[in-house]
C-alpha cells in the first residue's frame, strides 16, 4: 500500500495553521495514483476546513494525532449546493430546510476509510 504523508504536502500540524490544502492535495494524489493511505503523523494537531475523501483512500490518523475542524464555516463543503436540484441547493437540507455543512465528505468515494 502506497503511503502519502501530509507533512510532505506542506501540512504543519501545529494546531494553528489551516492544513486543509495539504491534506486534500495528499488525498487527491493518492486517489489519482490508484489509492493507498494518507497519513496524519502522531504528535501533531491538524487544523482543517472540509476535506473530501476519494475512492480507495484510507485517511489514517496515527495514535497521538488529532484532526480538528476550523471555526470558519466559509471553508466547508455544502453538499446540497452540489446537487442539481435548484430547490434543495437554495434551501439546504431537504428535510430541515437548513443549510448543511460537512467536515469530512465522501460522496461517490467507494472503498474509502478513516482509520486510526
C-alpha atoms as a PDB file:
ATOM      1  CA  UNK A   1       0.000   0.000   0.000  1.00  0.00           C
ATOM      2  CA  UNK A   2       1.359   3.397  -1.014  1.00  0.00           C
ATOM      3  CA  UNK A   3       1.689   5.928   1.850  1.00  0.00           C
ATOM      4  CA  UNK A   4       1.113   9.675   1.471  1.00  0.00           C
ATOM      5  CA  UNK A   5       2.369  11.695   4.439  1.00  0.00           C
ATOM      6  CA  UNK A   6       0.540  15.041   4.741  1.00  0.00           C
ATOM      7  CA  UNK A   7       3.703  16.678   6.133  1.00  0.00           C
ATOM      8  CA  UNK A   8       5.349  16.079   2.745  1.00  0.00           C
ATOM      9  CA  UNK A   9       2.477  18.058   1.196  1.00  0.00           C
ATOM     10  CA  UNK A  10       3.062  21.083   3.413  1.00  0.00           C
ATOM     11  CA  UNK A  11       0.876  20.352   6.454  1.00  0.00           C
ATOM     12  CA  UNK A  12       2.252  21.969   9.622  1.00  0.00           C
ATOM     13  CA  UNK A  13       0.286  20.079  12.276  1.00  0.00           C
ATOM     14  CA  UNK A  14       0.770  22.979  14.681  1.00  0.00           C
ATOM     15  CA  UNK A  15      -2.913  23.329  15.619  1.00  0.00           C
ATOM     16  CA  UNK A  16      -2.986  26.880  14.246  1.00  0.00           C
ATOM     17  CA  UNK A  17      -2.239  26.679  10.514  1.00  0.00           C
ATOM     18  CA  UNK A  18      -5.082  25.528   8.274  1.00  0.00           C
ATOM     19  CA  UNK A  19      -3.769  22.259   6.830  1.00  0.00           C
ATOM     20  CA  UNK A  20      -6.795  21.603   4.589  1.00  0.00           C
ATOM     21  CA  UNK A  21      -4.946  22.304   1.334  1.00  0.00           C
ATOM     22  CA  UNK A  22      -2.101  19.917   2.177  1.00  0.00           C
ATOM     23  CA  UNK A  23      -4.442  17.170   3.398  1.00  0.00           C
ATOM     24  CA  UNK A  24      -6.664  17.496   0.319  1.00  0.00           C
ATOM     25  CA  UNK A  25      -3.673  17.518  -2.019  1.00  0.00           C
ATOM     26  CA  UNK A  26      -2.383  14.278  -0.446  1.00  0.00           C
ATOM     27  CA  UNK A  27      -5.854  12.684  -0.743  1.00  0.00           C
ATOM     28  CA  UNK A  28      -6.175  13.746  -4.384  1.00  0.00           C
ATOM     29  CA  UNK A  29      -2.691  12.433  -5.270  1.00  0.00           C
ATOM     30  CA  UNK A  30      -3.429   9.168  -3.511  1.00  0.00           C
ATOM     31  CA  UNK A  31      -6.683   8.692  -5.437  1.00  0.00           C
ATOM     32  CA  UNK A  32      -5.140   9.739  -8.748  1.00  0.00           C
ATOM     33  CA  UNK A  33      -2.484   7.040  -8.313  1.00  0.00           C
ATOM     34  CA  UNK A  34      -4.971   4.243  -7.633  1.00  0.00           C
ATOM     35  CA  UNK A  35      -5.381   4.601  -3.873  1.00  0.00           C
ATOM     36  CA  UNK A  36      -3.467   3.980  -0.684  1.00  0.00           C
ATOM     37  CA  UNK A  37      -3.136   5.544   2.741  1.00  0.00           C
ATOM     38  CA  UNK A  38      -2.960   9.251   3.611  1.00  0.00           C
ATOM     39  CA  UNK A  39      -1.241   9.539   6.984  1.00  0.00           C
ATOM     40  CA  UNK A  40      -1.543  12.268   9.592  1.00  0.00           C
ATOM     41  CA  UNK A  41       1.545  11.532  11.729  1.00  0.00           C
ATOM     42  CA  UNK A  42       1.332  11.355  15.508  1.00  0.00           C
ATOM     43  CA  UNK A  43       2.201  14.101  17.947  1.00  0.00           C
ATOM     44  CA  UNK A  44       0.559  16.853  15.921  1.00  0.00           C
ATOM     45  CA  UNK A  45      -2.759  18.695  15.729  1.00  0.00           C
ATOM     46  CA  UNK A  46      -4.058  19.187  12.190  1.00  0.00           C
ATOM     47  CA  UNK A  47      -6.448  22.110  11.900  1.00  0.00           C
ATOM     48  CA  UNK A  48      -8.586  21.967   8.771  1.00  0.00           C
ATOM     49  CA  UNK A  49     -11.610  23.081   6.769  1.00  0.00           C
ATOM     50  CA  UNK A  50     -13.594  20.433   4.889  1.00  0.00           C
ATOM     51  CA  UNK A  51     -11.746  17.625   3.177  1.00  0.00           C
ATOM     52  CA  UNK A  52     -13.210  15.391   0.507  1.00  0.00           C
ATOM     53  CA  UNK A  53     -12.326  11.717   0.602  1.00  0.00           C
ATOM     54  CA  UNK A  54     -11.825   9.908  -2.685  1.00  0.00           C
ATOM     55  CA  UNK A  55     -12.239   6.322  -3.846  1.00  0.00           C
ATOM     56  CA  UNK A  56      -9.721   3.788  -2.485  1.00  0.00           C
ATOM     57  CA  UNK A  57      -8.207   6.221   0.023  1.00  0.00           C
ATOM     58  CA  UNK A  58      -7.669   5.423   3.710  1.00  0.00           C
ATOM     59  CA  UNK A  59      -7.337   8.600   5.779  1.00  0.00           C
ATOM     60  CA  UNK A  60      -5.216   7.318   8.664  1.00  0.00           C
ATOM     61  CA  UNK A  61      -4.875   9.383  11.837  1.00  0.00           C
ATOM     62  CA  UNK A  62      -1.989   7.942  13.819  1.00  0.00           C
ATOM     63  CA  UNK A  63      -2.210   7.479  17.575  1.00  0.00           C
ATOM     64  CA  UNK A  64      -1.447  10.808  19.236  1.00  0.00           C
ATOM     65  CA  UNK A  65      -2.511  12.881  16.215  1.00  0.00           C
ATOM     66  CA  UNK A  66      -5.686  14.961  16.147  1.00  0.00           C
ATOM     67  CA  UNK A  67      -7.713  16.334  13.257  1.00  0.00           C
ATOM     68  CA  UNK A  68      -9.653  19.432  14.314  1.00  0.00           C
ATOM     69  CA  UNK A  69     -12.251  21.399  12.384  1.00  0.00           C
ATOM     70  CA  UNK A  70     -11.804  25.136  11.907  1.00  0.00           C
ATOM     71  CA  UNK A  71     -14.495  27.518  13.056  1.00  0.00           C
ATOM     72  CA  UNK A  72     -14.617  29.294   9.675  1.00  0.00           C
ATOM     73  CA  UNK A  73     -17.782  27.967   8.013  1.00  0.00           C
ATOM     74  CA  UNK A  74     -16.767  29.527   4.664  1.00  0.00           C
ATOM     75  CA  UNK A  75     -14.196  26.751   4.178  1.00  0.00           C
ATOM     76  CA  UNK A  76     -16.764  23.959   4.475  1.00  0.00           C
ATOM     77  CA  UNK A  77     -18.367  21.929   1.721  1.00  0.00           C
ATOM     78  CA  UNK A  78     -22.124  22.364   1.356  1.00  0.00           C
ATOM     79  CA  UNK A  79     -23.207  19.056  -0.184  1.00  0.00           C
ATOM     80  CA  UNK A  80     -26.658  20.248  -1.227  1.00  0.00           C
ATOM     81  CA  UNK A  81     -25.055  23.018  -3.237  1.00  0.00           C
ATOM     82  CA  UNK A  82     -23.545  20.273  -5.418  1.00  0.00           C
ATOM     83  CA  UNK A  83     -26.905  18.656  -6.186  1.00  0.00           C
ATOM     84  CA  UNK A  84     -28.546  19.621  -9.480  1.00  0.00           C
ATOM     85  CA  UNK A  85     -31.951  20.253  -7.883  1.00  0.00           C
ATOM     86  CA  UNK A  86     -32.267  24.048  -7.585  1.00  0.00           C
ATOM     87  CA  UNK A  87     -34.826  23.770  -4.760  1.00  0.00           C
ATOM     88  CA  UNK A  88     -32.526  21.845  -2.401  1.00  0.00           C
ATOM     89  CA  UNK A  89     -29.436  23.759  -3.498  1.00  0.00           C
ATOM     90  CA  UNK A  90     -31.024  27.025  -2.409  1.00  0.00           C
ATOM     91  CA  UNK A  91     -32.596  25.975   0.874  1.00  0.00           C
ATOM     92  CA  UNK A  92     -30.057  23.420   2.081  1.00  0.00           C
ATOM     93  CA  UNK A  93     -31.020  20.155   3.725  1.00  0.00           C
ATOM     94  CA  UNK A  94     -34.223  18.822   2.112  1.00  0.00           C
ATOM     95  CA  UNK A  95     -35.501  17.559   5.486  1.00  0.00           C
ATOM     96  CA  UNK A  96     -34.878  20.575   7.715  1.00  0.00           C
ATOM     97  CA  UNK A  97     -34.531  23.332   5.137  1.00  0.00           C
ATOM     98  CA  UNK A  98     -31.369  24.494   6.919  1.00  0.00           C
ATOM     99  CA  UNK A  99     -28.023  24.671   5.136  1.00  0.00           C
ATOM    100  CA  UNK A 100     -25.830  21.660   5.745  1.00  0.00           C
ATOM    101  CA  UNK A 101     -22.064  21.795   6.032  1.00  0.00           C
ATOM    102  CA  UNK A 102     -19.663  18.853   6.253  1.00  0.00           C
ATOM    103  CA  UNK A 103     -16.196  18.428   7.702  1.00  0.00           C
ATOM    104  CA  UNK A 104     -15.302  15.133   6.021  1.00  0.00           C
ATOM    105  CA  UNK A 105     -17.137  14.486   2.761  1.00  0.00           C
ATOM    106  CA  UNK A 106     -17.095  11.219   0.816  1.00  0.00           C
ATOM    107  CA  UNK A 107     -19.693  11.429  -1.964  1.00  0.00           C
ATOM    108  CA  UNK A 108     -19.012   8.885  -4.739  1.00  0.00           C
ATOM    109  CA  UNK A 109     -15.929   7.622  -2.904  1.00  0.00           C
ATOM    110  CA  UNK A 110     -16.226   3.838  -2.944  1.00  0.00           C
ATOM    111  CA  UNK A 111     -13.851   1.915  -0.699  1.00  0.00           C
ATOM    112  CA  UNK A 112     -12.715   4.950   1.292  1.00  0.00           C
ATOM    113  CA  UNK A 113     -11.987   4.637   5.021  1.00  0.00           C
ATOM    114  CA  UNK A 114     -10.949   6.639   8.033  1.00  0.00           C
ATOM    115  CA  UNK A 115      -8.689   4.686  10.347  1.00  0.00           C
ATOM    116  CA  UNK A 116      -6.509   5.253  13.343  1.00  0.00           C
END
